[in-house]
Amino acid sequence: MSNELNIDELKKLVSELSSQLAATKKYGLVWDKDETKEKIVADCEKNIPVLEPEDSRTIKLHGQNHILIEGDNFLALTALKMTFSDTGFADVIYIDPPYNTGNKDFKYNDNYVDAEDGFRHSKWLSFIKPRLQLVRSLLKDSGMIMISIDEHEEANLKLLCNAIFGEQNFLANMIWQSTPGSNTGLEIKTVTEYVLVYAKNAALCKVSAKPAEDDSKYTLEDEFVARRGKYTLNKLDRRMTGPHYSEALNYPLTMADGSQLWPGCMQNRQEHWNWRWSESKVKWGIENNFIVIKKSKNKWVVYFKQYFKVDNTDTSINRSTPFQNLIQNEDGINAARGTQDLMSLLGKKSFDYPKPVNLIKLLLKIHPNKNATILDFFAGSGTTGQAVLELNNEDGGNRQFILCTNNENDICTGVTYPRLKTVISGEKPDGSKYSDGIPANMYYFKTSFIEDQKNTDQAKYNLVAKADSYLCILENVFDLVERNDYSSHYSSDDGLKHLFIYNDFFNQEKFAEFKKRICSAKGERVVYVFSSENELDESLFLDLPDVVAKPIPSKIYEIYKHISEEIKRGE
């Protein structure tokens, strides 16, 4: 949009804007939308996104399967939506999009946006909105999305998320102290950033509690350790002031030598001292081994046992606490630590402002599923991938990451990939040891297009030749066993699941040979067969009742056309 308008153009623009405002809601986010679609979004109207495997970058160390996608995230998200149909697959989506600070940290339609651009906030919203609309359908109904942001776009982003995810699904605005600030100058220092958290459906989204407090102070044990856990000793008396003091709790206890002990460990009554427990509760505590009375420096002292697994009524207790939206003074959660994390892996500063690994770990713990699928489509240096790998290693989880980043300035091939390879293998790019490694498999894909065709059958046939990647991701089976000009066979890493794809028109001789290979495979078998009408002749597999057979690629193509129409309508 030009900033210089003549009087007639200005009148026309005012009239158009007035009409738009009259037709829209009276509360919410309204901005000047660019009349020209973002190039990559427009490209997805006319071309079908595909994911091409980059086998030379596959990492196989026999663990959970993970995915790294190199390419524009809108294209990758479109391909993932085509893969998973209308069924959400992600339990957690975390993203760290450009903050649009005005310091050319954000590109729109291949041009950097600076502080002098009067439409920079509008451009940022026009950039982020279609991605958030698209990704909402990739969330499971019980899933949540977390978005890092700072003060430049936080207010706009929250209104946009209210519109896309629903204000009723807002869970929290996490605030974390990213920098210590400085003691120089008189201006107010900004030392925090934000993470907006939304559920797809708050009624279905479960939030876990913060892990139980450190049990290191519980060092003592008795005959009840199996059920009560270890314990620590706390004094039973305390000094109270004002309304907290209770006459009823200022009473004497009889010691083993017959002497009387008052609160304050004195032989006489003391003002403002109380026992923590009532007389009857102390009697119960002695009978049930919750009270310890012993001499220290020739003085009687009374303690109560605080067990880790039970409270002071001998009832099981969960010492976990709710997460709070304020994150401060947490170990390793600051901007400087993010840079240190990356440098310890790659030996150099190769990315500006990476998030600290411990921040992402903490955020991922908010979701209770230790087998969650985590999607990050602004993966940057790969912090989310490292956090997933390390968290699995720490708590025995089986989380899977799907990361997407472009390769501008070789970020994917030069930073993201080698970082994750180092964490998985334990070997740095220079050959030195980083760690013992975390066994896992990582499969690398690159985004691409195939041209849509006016002839629908031809378009479907062109798509089926590229459908392997969609189906491998969908079935979580990636290892190629055999491929010929009409079919493919993939196996899971452990050999317990097999994926067969028949990608040609029906030919009796070829299909008979295809079925022989299916019969020879042991374990779970999933078969996809080309069908331009999205129908499958069930009689083809009557002799293989334990095989799951499905048609391709009509459903994939239908979803693409649906997305294409949404893009045209600006939805």
Protein backbone atom coordinates (compact mmCIF):
# COMPACT_ATOMS: atom_id res chain seq x y z
CA MET A 1 0.00 0.00 0.00
CA SER A 2 1.45 3.40 -0.98
CA ASN A 3 1.80 6.07 1.70
CA GLU A 4 1.10 8.83 -0.87
CA LEU A 5 -2.56 9.14 -1.98
CA ASN A 6 -4.31 11.81 -3.97
CA ILE A 7 -7.62 13.21 -2.71
CA ASP A 8 -9.78 10.84 -4.74
CA GLU A 9 -7.78 7.80 -3.64
CA LEU A 10 -7.97 8.97 -0.04
CA LYS A 11 -11.76 9.38 -0.21
CA LYS A 12 -12.09 5.93 -1.72
CA LEU A 13 -9.89 4.41 0.97
CA VAL A 14 -11.85 6.10 3.77
CA SER A 15 -15.09 4.82 2.26
CA GLU A 16 -13.75 1.26 2.01
CA LEU A 17 -12.45 1.30 5.57
CA SER A 18 -15.75 2.68 6.85
CA SER A 19 -17.60 -0.14 5.12
CA GLN A 20 -15.22 -2.72 6.58
CA LEU A 21 -15.61 -1.33 10.08
CA ALA A 22 -19.38 -1.25 9.77
CA ALA A 23 -19.41 -4.90 8.76
CA THR A 24 -17.06 -6.13 11.45
CA LYS A 25 -17.38 -6.71 15.16
CA LYS A 26 -17.31 -3.70 17.40
CA TYR A 27 -14.78 -5.18 19.83
CA GLY A 28 -11.58 -6.96 18.95
CA LEU A 29 -8.51 -6.58 16.82
CA VAL A 30 -8.80 -4.66 13.54
CA TRP A 31 -5.79 -3.78 11.43
CA ASP A 32 -4.93 -2.61 7.95
CA LYS A 33 -4.55 -5.86 6.05
CA ASP A 34 -2.23 -5.90 3.07
CA GLU A 35 -4.20 -6.32 -0.15
CA THR A 36 -1.39 -8.49 -1.53
CA LYS A 37 -1.14 -11.90 0.08
CA GLU A 38 2.15 -13.03 1.51
CA LYS A 39 3.98 -14.77 -1.33
CA ILE A 40 4.27 -18.19 0.31
CA VAL A 41 0.57 -18.14 1.20
CA ALA A 42 -0.36 -17.25 -2.38
CA ASP A 43 1.93 -20.02 -3.66
CA CYS A 44 -0.04 -22.56 -1.61
CA GLU A 45 -3.19 -21.54 -3.50
CA LYS A 46 -1.77 -22.78 -6.77
CA ASN A 47 0.68 -25.50 -5.81
CA ILE A 48 0.47 -28.59 -3.62
CA PRO A 49 2.96 -28.64 -0.71
CA VAL A 50 5.00 -31.81 -0.34
CA LEU A 51 7.73 -32.97 2.01
CA GLU A 52 10.83 -34.49 0.44
CA PRO A 53 12.97 -36.80 2.64
CA GLU A 54 16.63 -35.89 2.97
CA ASP A 55 17.99 -39.36 3.73
CA SER A 56 21.61 -38.20 4.03
CA ARG A 57 20.67 -36.28 7.20
CA THR A 58 18.74 -39.10 8.86
CA ILE A 59 20.01 -39.90 12.36
CA LYS A 60 19.32 -43.43 13.65
CA LEU A 61 20.34 -44.29 17.18
CA HIS A 62 17.32 -46.47 18.04
CA GLY A 63 14.92 -44.48 20.16
CA GLN A 64 11.86 -42.30 19.72
CA ASN A 65 11.26 -40.96 16.20
CA HIS A 66 11.58 -37.18 15.75
CA ILE A 67 11.15 -34.97 12.67
CA LEU A 68 13.01 -31.88 11.45
CA ILE A 69 11.54 -30.01 8.47
CA GLU A 70 13.59 -27.48 6.53
CA GLY A 71 11.47 -24.87 4.77
CA ASP A 72 8.87 -22.15 5.14
CA ASN A 73 6.60 -22.94 8.05
CA PHE A 74 3.35 -22.06 6.28
CA LEU A 75 4.17 -24.59 3.60
CA ALA A 76 5.18 -27.19 6.22
CA LEU A 77 2.02 -26.60 8.27
CA THR A 78 -0.12 -27.00 5.16
CA ALA A 79 1.61 -30.30 4.39
CA LEU A 80 1.11 -31.49 7.98
CA LYS A 81 -2.58 -30.60 7.84
CA MET A 82 -2.88 -32.58 4.62
CA THR A 83 -1.15 -35.47 6.39
CA PHE A 84 -3.30 -35.60 9.49
CA SER A 85 -6.60 -34.61 7.87
CA ASP A 86 -8.95 -32.93 10.35
CA THR A 87 -7.60 -34.94 13.27
CA GLY A 88 -5.29 -32.92 15.47
CA PHE A 89 -1.99 -34.62 16.29
CA ALA A 90 -0.10 -32.16 18.51
CA ASP A 91 -0.47 -32.22 22.30
CA VAL A 92 1.66 -29.10 22.70
CA ILE A 93 2.63 -26.40 20.24
CA TYR A 94 5.41 -24.06 21.32
CA ILE A 95 6.62 -21.24 19.08
CA ASP A 96 9.02 -18.34 19.39
CA PRO A 97 8.05 -16.12 16.44
CA PRO A 98 9.80 -12.86 15.46
CA TYR A 99 9.13 -10.22 18.11
CA ASN A 100 8.87 -7.38 15.56
CA THR A 101 11.03 -5.06 17.63
CA GLY A 102 11.65 -2.75 14.67
CA ASN A 103 15.30 -3.79 14.56
CA LYS A 104 14.85 -5.77 11.35
CA ASP A 105 14.22 -9.02 13.22
CA PHE A 106 11.12 -9.73 11.12
CA LYS A 107 10.72 -10.30 7.38
CA TYR A 108 7.46 -9.84 5.52
CA ASN A 109 7.29 -10.89 1.87
CA ASP A 110 11.09 -11.14 1.78
CA ASN A 111 11.64 -7.59 3.07
CA TYR A 112 12.83 -6.69 6.55
CA VAL A 113 10.40 -4.53 8.54
CA ASP A 114 11.99 -1.72 10.56
CA ALA A 115 10.76 0.77 13.14
CA GLU A 116 10.07 3.41 10.48
CA ASP A 117 7.48 1.26 8.71
CA GLY A 118 4.09 2.70 9.63
CA PHE A 119 2.43 -0.62 8.87
CA ARG A 120 4.87 -2.85 10.74
CA HIS A 121 2.32 -4.05 13.32
CA SER A 122 -0.23 -4.71 10.57
CA LYS A 123 2.33 -6.66 8.56
CA TRP A 124 3.26 -8.75 11.60
CA LEU A 125 -0.39 -9.57 12.28
CA SER A 126 -0.97 -10.41 8.61
CA PHE A 127 2.03 -12.74 8.84
CA ILE A 128 1.15 -14.54 12.07
CA LYS A 129 -2.64 -14.83 11.68
CA PRO A 130 -2.81 -17.41 8.83
CA ARG A 131 -0.25 -19.58 10.60
CA LEU A 132 -2.19 -19.59 13.86
CA GLN A 133 -5.45 -20.27 12.01
CA LEU A 134 -3.85 -23.19 10.21
CA VAL A 135 -2.15 -24.62 13.26
CA ARG A 136 -5.29 -24.61 15.43
CA SER A 137 -6.57 -27.62 13.51
CA LEU A 138 -3.28 -29.44 14.17
CA LEU A 139 -3.88 -29.32 17.93
CA LYS A 140 -5.64 -32.19 19.63
CA ASP A 141 -8.84 -31.15 21.38
CA SER A 142 -6.98 -31.59 24.68
CA GLY A 143 -3.91 -29.72 23.44
CA MET A 144 -2.38 -26.35 24.27
CA ILE A 145 -0.32 -23.75 22.41
CA MET A 146 2.41 -21.62 23.99
CA ILE A 147 3.72 -18.52 22.22
CA SER A 148 6.79 -16.56 23.32
CA ILE A 149 6.56 -12.80 22.78
CA ASP A 150 7.69 -9.50 24.27
CA GLU A 151 6.05 -6.15 24.85
CA HIS A 152 6.17 -5.07 21.19
CA GLU A 153 3.34 -7.38 20.06
CA GLU A 154 2.05 -9.02 23.26
CA ALA A 155 -1.17 -6.95 23.42
CA ASN A 156 -1.93 -7.48 19.72
CA LEU A 157 -1.12 -11.19 19.91
CA LYS A 158 -3.44 -11.74 22.86
CA LEU A 159 -6.38 -10.14 21.04
CA LEU A 160 -5.59 -12.19 17.93
CA CYS A 161 -5.40 -15.42 19.96
CA ASN A 162 -8.70 -14.55 21.65
CA ALA A 163 -10.26 -14.38 18.18
CA ILE A 164 -8.66 -17.61 16.90
CA PHE A 165 -8.64 -19.85 19.98
CA GLY A 166 -11.43 -18.19 21.97
CA GLU A 167 -11.06 -15.97 25.01
CA GLN A 168 -12.57 -18.76 27.11
CA ASN A 169 -9.58 -20.95 26.21
CA PHE A 170 -6.97 -18.53 27.55
CA LEU A 171 -4.96 -20.34 30.24
CA ALA A 172 -2.21 -17.95 31.31
CA ASN A 173 0.21 -15.23 30.40
CA MET A 174 3.49 -16.62 31.70
CA ILE A 175 5.97 -13.91 32.63
CA TRP A 176 9.64 -14.81 32.92
CA GLN A 177 12.62 -12.70 33.87
CA SER A 178 14.87 -12.95 30.85
CA THR A 179 17.57 -10.45 31.90
CA PRO A 180 18.78 -8.96 35.18
CA GLY A 181 18.53 -5.41 33.78
CA SER A 182 21.05 -2.74 34.64
CA ASN A 183 21.60 -0.12 37.30
CA THR A 184 22.50 2.66 34.89
CA GLY A 185 20.28 5.35 33.41
CA LEU A 186 16.93 6.65 34.60
CA GLU A 187 14.58 4.95 32.15
CA ILE A 188 12.46 1.97 33.22
CA LYS A 189 14.26 -1.25 32.34
CA THR A 190 12.34 -4.08 30.72
CA VAL A 191 13.62 -7.36 32.13
CA THR A 192 10.75 -9.72 31.31
CA GLU A 193 9.22 -11.55 28.38
CA TYR A 194 5.93 -13.42 28.02
CA VAL A 195 4.56 -16.79 27.00
CA LEU A 196 0.86 -16.74 26.09
CA VAL A 197 -0.81 -20.10 26.78
CA TYR A 198 -4.12 -21.14 25.18
CA ALA A 199 -6.01 -24.41 25.12
CA LYS A 200 -7.84 -25.63 22.07
CA ASN A 201 -10.65 -26.57 24.45
CA ALA A 202 -10.10 -25.54 28.07
CA ALA A 203 -12.69 -28.04 29.29
CA LEU A 204 -10.62 -30.92 27.86
CA CYS A 205 -7.13 -29.55 28.45
CA LYS A 206 -5.45 -30.93 31.58
CA VAL A 207 -2.68 -29.00 33.31
CA SER A 208 -0.17 -30.80 35.49
CA ALA A 209 1.13 -29.61 38.84
CA LYS A 210 4.67 -28.44 39.34
CA PRO A 211 6.83 -31.44 40.20
CA ALA A 212 7.06 -32.31 43.91
CA GLU A 213 9.39 -30.23 45.99
CA ASP A 214 12.97 -31.37 46.30
CA ASP A 215 13.05 -34.30 48.73
CA SER A 216 16.73 -33.84 49.56
CA LYS A 217 15.90 -32.39 52.99
CA TYR A 218 14.06 -35.61 53.90
CA THR A 219 17.13 -37.58 54.98
CA LEU A 220 15.94 -39.64 57.96
CA GLU A 221 14.02 -42.87 57.87
CA ASP A 222 12.27 -45.26 60.24
CA GLU A 223 10.31 -48.51 60.04
CA PHE A 224 7.52 -46.69 58.12
CA VAL A 225 9.74 -45.56 55.23
CA ALA A 226 8.04 -47.73 52.59
CA ARG A 227 4.67 -46.03 53.09
CA ARG A 228 5.54 -42.67 54.63
CA GLY A 229 8.83 -42.03 52.88
CA LYS A 230 11.81 -40.40 54.52
CA TYR A 231 11.33 -37.58 57.02
CA THR A 232 12.87 -34.46 58.52
CA LEU A 233 12.49 -33.15 62.08
CA ASN A 234 10.81 -29.84 62.94
CA LYS A 235 10.50 -28.33 66.40
CA LEU A 236 7.01 -28.65 67.82
CA ASP A 237 7.06 -25.26 69.55
CA ARG A 238 7.17 -21.73 68.19
CA ARG A 239 6.85 -18.17 69.40
CA MET A 240 3.60 -16.47 68.36
CA THR A 241 2.54 -12.82 68.41
CA GLY A 242 -0.77 -10.97 68.37
CA PRO A 243 -3.87 -12.85 67.26
CA HIS A 244 -1.84 -15.92 66.23
CA TYR A 245 -1.12 -16.76 69.88
CA SER A 246 -3.45 -19.37 71.45
CA GLU A 247 -3.83 -19.99 75.19
CA ALA A 248 -5.14 -23.48 74.43
CA LEU A 249 -1.81 -24.43 72.82
CA ASN A 250 0.30 -23.18 75.74
CA TYR A 251 0.29 -26.26 77.96
CA PRO A 252 2.98 -28.46 79.58
CA LEU A 253 4.17 -31.88 78.42
CA THR A 254 5.48 -34.51 80.84
CA MET A 255 8.96 -35.77 80.02
CA ALA A 256 10.42 -39.23 80.70
CA ASP A 257 12.04 -38.04 83.92
CA GLY A 258 8.70 -36.65 85.18
CA SER A 259 9.59 -32.99 84.59
CA GLN A 260 7.22 -30.55 82.93
CA LEU A 261 8.16 -28.94 79.62
CA TRP A 262 6.38 -25.86 78.34
CA PRO A 263 6.54 -24.43 74.79
CA GLY A 264 9.85 -22.66 74.33
CA CYS A 265 11.54 -25.71 75.88
CA MET A 266 11.32 -24.09 79.30
CA GLN A 267 10.46 -25.45 82.75
CA ASN A 268 7.91 -22.68 83.32
CA ARG A 269 5.07 -21.20 81.34
CA GLN A 270 6.22 -18.63 78.78
CA GLU A 271 4.06 -15.89 77.26
CA HIS A 272 3.59 -15.93 73.50
CA TRP A 273 4.82 -19.51 73.09
CA ASN A 274 2.68 -22.31 71.65
CA TRP A 275 2.92 -25.94 70.71
CA ARG A 276 1.95 -26.45 67.06
CA TRP A 277 -0.35 -29.35 67.98
CA SER A 278 -3.13 -29.75 70.54
CA GLU A 279 -2.72 -32.06 73.56
CA SER A 280 -4.83 -34.78 71.94
CA LYS A 281 -2.87 -34.49 68.67
CA VAL A 282 0.44 -34.81 70.56
CA LYS A 283 -0.87 -37.93 72.32
CA TRP A 284 -1.81 -39.37 68.90
CA GLY A 285 1.62 -38.39 67.52
CA ILE A 286 3.47 -40.19 70.30
CA GLU A 287 1.35 -43.33 69.85
CA ASN A 288 1.91 -43.33 66.06
CA ASN A 289 5.60 -42.45 66.08
CA PHE A 290 5.16 -38.90 64.74
CA ILE A 291 6.71 -37.28 67.84
CA VAL A 292 10.38 -37.41 68.84
CA ILE A 293 11.45 -36.20 72.30
CA LYS A 294 15.15 -36.05 73.10
CA LYS A 295 17.69 -34.12 75.11
CA SER A 296 19.99 -31.55 73.55
CA LYS A 297 22.58 -29.85 75.74
CA ASN A 298 20.83 -31.22 78.84
CA LYS A 299 17.50 -29.69 77.73
CA TRP A 300 14.43 -31.56 76.55
CA VAL A 301 13.40 -30.74 72.97
CA VAL A 302 10.21 -31.92 71.25
CA TYR A 303 10.11 -32.53 67.49
CA PHE A 304 7.49 -33.75 65.03
CA LYS A 305 8.32 -35.80 61.97
CA GLN A 306 7.50 -34.28 58.59
CA TYR A 307 7.33 -37.18 56.16
CA PHE A 308 7.63 -36.80 52.40
CA LYS A 309 4.78 -39.12 51.40
CA VAL A 310 2.20 -38.41 54.15
CA ASP A 311 0.96 -35.36 56.08
CA ASN A 312 0.81 -35.01 59.86
CA THR A 313 -2.42 -37.03 59.99
CA ASP A 314 -0.70 -40.00 58.32
CA THR A 315 -2.66 -39.39 55.09
CA SER A 316 -0.98 -39.72 51.68
CA ILE A 317 0.00 -36.33 50.28
CA ASN A 318 1.04 -35.00 46.91
CA ARG A 319 3.62 -32.33 47.59
CA SER A 320 3.44 -30.95 44.06
CA THR A 321 2.21 -27.37 43.72
CA PRO A 322 0.39 -25.49 40.95
CA PHE A 323 2.50 -23.81 38.31
CA GLN A 324 2.50 -20.04 38.63
CA ASN A 325 2.54 -17.57 35.77
CA LEU A 326 5.59 -15.79 37.22
CA ILE A 327 8.88 -17.51 36.41
CA GLN A 328 11.84 -16.03 38.26
CA ASN A 329 14.94 -17.24 40.04
CA GLU A 330 14.60 -20.59 38.33
CA ASP A 331 17.83 -22.44 37.60
CA GLY A 332 19.18 -21.63 34.15
CA ILE A 333 16.16 -19.66 32.94
CA ASN A 334 17.58 -16.44 31.53
CA ALA A 335 18.61 -15.11 28.14
CA ALA A 336 22.33 -15.45 28.83
CA ARG A 337 21.88 -19.14 29.63
CA GLY A 338 20.22 -19.69 26.24
CA THR A 339 23.37 -18.47 24.49
CA GLN A 340 25.56 -20.57 26.78
CA ASP A 341 23.45 -23.67 26.04
CA LEU A 342 24.06 -23.29 22.31
CA MET A 343 27.75 -22.42 22.59
CA SER A 344 28.40 -25.50 24.74
CA LEU A 345 27.08 -27.62 21.86
CA LEU A 346 28.50 -25.88 18.81
CA GLY A 347 31.46 -24.01 20.29
CA LYS A 348 30.43 -20.65 18.87
CA LYS A 349 27.67 -18.08 18.99
CA SER A 350 25.70 -18.97 15.89
CA PHE A 351 22.21 -17.67 16.70
CA ASP A 352 20.89 -14.51 18.35
CA TYR A 353 18.77 -14.77 21.49
CA PRO A 354 18.09 -18.53 21.67
CA LYS A 355 15.68 -19.49 24.43
CA PRO A 356 17.22 -21.29 27.43
CA VAL A 357 16.62 -25.04 27.39
CA ASN A 358 15.39 -25.01 31.00
CA LEU A 359 12.61 -22.55 30.13
CA ILE A 360 11.23 -24.87 27.44
CA LYS A 361 11.53 -27.87 29.77
CA LEU A 362 9.51 -26.06 32.42
CA LEU A 363 6.83 -25.10 29.89
CA LEU A 364 6.59 -28.65 28.53
CA LYS A 365 6.10 -29.99 32.06
CA ILE A 366 2.85 -28.00 32.27
CA HIS A 367 1.28 -30.59 29.98
CA PRO A 368 0.88 -33.87 31.92
CA ASN A 369 1.43 -36.26 28.98
CA LYS A 370 4.99 -37.59 29.02
CA ASN A 371 4.30 -39.17 25.60
CA ALA A 372 3.18 -35.89 24.05
CA THR A 373 3.80 -34.83 20.46
CA ILE A 374 5.34 -31.35 20.47
CA LEU A 375 5.26 -29.12 17.39
CA ASP A 376 7.49 -26.05 17.00
CA PHE A 377 7.21 -24.34 13.62
CA PHE A 378 9.54 -21.44 14.50
CA ALA A 379 12.24 -23.85 15.64
CA GLY A 380 15.18 -21.47 15.15
CA SER A 381 18.27 -22.96 16.76
CA GLY A 382 16.40 -26.09 17.91
CA THR A 383 16.03 -25.38 21.64
CA THR A 384 12.65 -27.16 21.74
CA GLY A 385 14.17 -30.31 20.26
CA GLN A 386 16.97 -30.36 22.82
CA ALA A 387 14.46 -29.75 25.64
CA VAL A 388 12.31 -32.69 24.48
CA LEU A 389 15.28 -35.05 24.24
CA GLU A 390 16.67 -34.10 27.64
CA LEU A 391 13.28 -34.16 29.34
CA ASN A 392 12.63 -37.68 28.01
CA ASN A 393 16.03 -38.71 29.34
CA GLU A 394 15.27 -37.22 32.76
CA ASP A 395 11.76 -38.47 33.45
CA GLY A 396 11.48 -41.56 31.22
CA GLY A 397 9.02 -39.88 28.87
CA ASN A 398 8.52 -40.74 25.22
CA ARG A 399 7.75 -37.31 23.80
CA GLN A 400 8.16 -36.70 20.07
CA PHE A 401 9.14 -33.41 18.46
CA ILE A 402 8.28 -32.10 15.02
CA LEU A 403 10.34 -29.00 14.28
CA CYS A 404 10.25 -26.67 11.31
CA THR A 405 12.60 -23.84 10.44
CA ASN A 406 13.70 -22.18 7.24
CA ASN A 407 17.32 -22.27 6.13
CA GLU A 408 17.95 -18.55 5.92
CA ASN A 409 21.63 -17.93 6.65
CA ASP A 410 22.02 -21.73 6.89
CA ILE A 411 20.15 -21.78 10.21
CA CYS A 412 18.69 -25.27 9.68
CA THR A 413 21.71 -27.00 8.18
CA GLY A 414 24.31 -25.04 10.14
CA VAL A 415 22.71 -24.69 13.59
CA THR A 416 19.45 -26.61 14.17
CA TYR A 417 20.54 -29.89 12.64
CA PRO A 418 24.06 -30.05 14.13
CA ARG A 419 22.71 -29.02 17.54
CA LEU A 420 20.19 -31.87 17.61
CA LYS A 421 22.72 -34.31 16.17
CA THR A 422 25.10 -33.40 18.98
CA VAL A 423 22.47 -33.94 21.68
CA ILE A 424 21.44 -37.29 20.21
CA SER A 425 24.91 -38.66 19.44
CA GLY A 426 26.85 -36.97 22.24
CA GLU A 427 29.50 -35.88 19.74
CA LYS A 428 30.11 -32.22 18.82
CA PRO A 429 30.59 -31.15 15.19
CA ASP A 430 34.36 -30.93 15.80
CA GLY A 431 34.43 -34.57 16.94
CA SER A 432 34.89 -33.87 20.64
CA LYS A 433 32.63 -35.39 23.28
CA TYR A 434 29.63 -33.43 24.51
CA SER A 435 27.83 -36.13 26.49
CA ASP A 436 26.96 -39.82 26.49
CA GLY A 437 24.19 -39.01 24.02
CA ILE A 438 20.45 -39.60 24.13
CA PRO A 439 19.46 -42.43 21.75
CA ALA A 440 16.80 -41.30 19.27
CA ASN A 441 15.98 -41.27 15.57
CA MET A 442 15.57 -38.03 13.64
CA TYR A 443 14.21 -37.87 10.10
CA TYR A 444 14.92 -34.81 7.94
CA PHE A 445 12.52 -33.41 5.34
CA LYS A 446 12.56 -30.40 3.01
CA THR A 447 9.46 -28.55 1.84
CA SER A 448 8.66 -28.41 -1.86
CA PHE A 449 5.75 -27.96 -4.28
CA ILE A 450 4.15 -29.89 -7.07
CA GLU A 451 1.93 -27.99 -9.45
CA ASP A 452 -1.80 -28.38 -9.04
CA GLN A 453 -3.55 -29.45 -12.23
CA LYS A 454 -6.86 -28.45 -13.76
CA ASN A 455 -7.31 -32.13 -14.44
CA THR A 456 -8.16 -33.42 -10.95
CA ASP A 457 -7.27 -37.05 -11.72
CA GLN A 458 -3.88 -35.97 -13.04
CA ALA A 459 -3.29 -33.86 -9.92
CA LYS A 460 -4.13 -36.82 -7.70
CA TYR A 461 -1.83 -39.11 -9.65
CA ASN A 462 1.01 -36.56 -9.41
CA LEU A 463 0.39 -36.33 -5.67
CA VAL A 464 0.41 -40.08 -5.02
CA ALA A 465 3.96 -40.29 -6.32
CA LYS A 466 4.92 -37.91 -3.50
CA ALA A 467 2.63 -39.38 -0.85
CA ASP A 468 5.23 -41.57 0.86
CA SER A 469 6.41 -38.79 3.18
CA TYR A 470 2.88 -37.92 4.26
CA LEU A 471 2.14 -41.54 5.07
CA CYS A 472 5.45 -42.21 6.83
CA ILE A 473 4.83 -39.25 9.12
CA LEU A 474 1.20 -40.24 9.66
CA GLU A 475 2.06 -43.84 10.57
CA ASN A 476 5.36 -42.98 12.31
CA VAL A 477 7.18 -45.53 10.16
CA PHE A 478 10.22 -44.30 8.22
CA ASP A 479 12.79 -46.98 7.40
CA LEU A 480 12.70 -47.89 3.72
CA VAL A 481 12.83 -51.64 3.14
CA GLU A 482 12.11 -51.76 -0.60
CA ARG A 483 10.82 -49.52 -3.38
CA ASN A 484 10.04 -50.13 -7.04
CA ASP A 485 8.24 -48.16 -9.72
CA TYR A 486 4.78 -48.95 -8.35
CA SER A 487 5.11 -49.59 -4.61
CA SER A 488 7.03 -48.94 -1.39
CA HIS A 489 7.62 -50.85 1.82
CA TYR A 490 8.69 -49.14 5.07
CA SER A 491 9.35 -50.61 8.50
CA SER A 492 9.49 -49.19 12.01
CA ASP A 493 12.87 -49.09 13.72
CA ASP A 494 12.01 -52.16 15.81
CA GLY A 495 10.49 -54.05 12.86
CA LEU A 496 7.12 -54.44 14.59
CA LYS A 497 5.15 -52.22 12.18
CA HIS A 498 5.14 -52.19 8.38
CA LEU A 499 3.82 -49.62 5.93
CA PHE A 500 3.05 -50.70 2.35
CA ILE A 501 2.12 -48.21 -0.40
CA TYR A 502 0.77 -49.21 -3.82
CA ASN A 503 1.01 -46.04 -5.90
CA ASP A 504 -0.08 -47.05 -9.40
CA PHE A 505 -3.23 -47.99 -11.27
CA PHE A 506 -4.40 -51.52 -10.59
CA ASN A 507 -2.45 -54.20 -12.40
CA GLN A 508 -3.24 -57.81 -11.48
CA GLU A 509 0.30 -59.11 -11.86
CA LYS A 510 1.93 -56.22 -9.99
CA PHE A 511 -0.68 -56.31 -7.26
CA ALA A 512 -0.21 -60.05 -6.73
CA GLU A 513 3.53 -59.49 -6.25
CA PHE A 514 2.73 -56.58 -3.89
CA LYS A 515 0.52 -58.83 -1.73
CA LYS A 516 3.25 -61.48 -1.51
CA ARG A 517 5.52 -58.92 0.11
CA ILE A 518 2.75 -57.95 2.53
CA CYS A 519 2.30 -61.59 3.50
CA SER A 520 6.01 -62.02 4.18
CA ALA A 521 6.11 -59.18 6.72
CA LYS A 522 5.57 -59.98 10.39
CA GLY A 523 3.85 -57.66 12.83
CA GLU A 524 1.39 -54.80 12.32
CA ARG A 525 0.75 -54.06 8.64
CA VAL A 526 -0.84 -50.92 7.20
CA VAL A 527 -1.48 -50.75 3.46
CA TYR A 528 -2.33 -47.75 1.29
CA VAL A 529 -3.59 -48.25 -2.27
CA PHE A 530 -4.02 -45.63 -4.99
CA SER A 531 -7.65 -44.73 -5.66
CA SER A 532 -8.76 -41.65 -7.56
CA GLU A 533 -12.23 -41.88 -5.97
CA ASN A 534 -11.09 -42.40 -2.37
CA GLU A 535 -12.65 -45.87 -2.34
CA LEU A 536 -11.04 -49.23 -1.80
CA ASP A 537 -12.28 -52.60 -3.00
CA GLU A 538 -12.46 -54.50 0.29
CA SER A 539 -12.31 -57.85 -1.50
CA LEU A 540 -8.65 -57.17 -2.36
CA PHE A 541 -7.57 -58.06 1.17
CA LEU A 542 -10.18 -60.59 2.33
CA ASP A 543 -7.43 -63.18 2.65
CA LEU A 544 -5.46 -60.84 4.94
CA PRO A 545 -7.98 -59.96 7.68
CA ASP A 546 -5.37 -58.50 10.04
CA VAL A 547 -4.15 -55.96 7.46
CA VAL A 548 -5.43 -52.38 7.72
CA ALA A 549 -6.01 -51.11 4.18
CA LYS A 550 -6.76 -47.49 3.19
CA PRO A 551 -7.11 -45.55 -0.08
CA ILE A 552 -4.86 -42.69 -1.23
CA PRO A 553 -4.51 -39.88 -2.23
CA SER A 554 -8.00 -38.44 -2.65
CA LYS A 555 -8.39 -37.46 0.99
CA ILE A 556 -5.02 -35.72 0.98
CA TYR A 557 -5.93 -33.83 -2.18
CA GLU A 558 -9.37 -32.88 -0.85
CA ILE A 559 -7.81 -31.37 2.25
CA TYR A 560 -5.37 -29.41 0.09
CA LYS A 561 -8.23 -28.00 -1.99
CA HIS A 562 -10.10 -27.08 1.20
CA ILE A 563 -7.02 -25.22 2.50
CA SER A 564 -6.59 -23.55 -0.89
CA GLU A 565 -10.16 -22.24 -0.79
CA GLU A 566 -9.64 -20.94 2.76
CA ILE A 567 -6.55 -19.07 1.59
CA LYS A 568 -8.51 -17.50 -1.25
CA ARG A 569 -11.18 -16.34 1.19
CA GLY A 570 -8.53 -15.01 3.57
CA GLU A 571 -9.61 -17.35 6.36
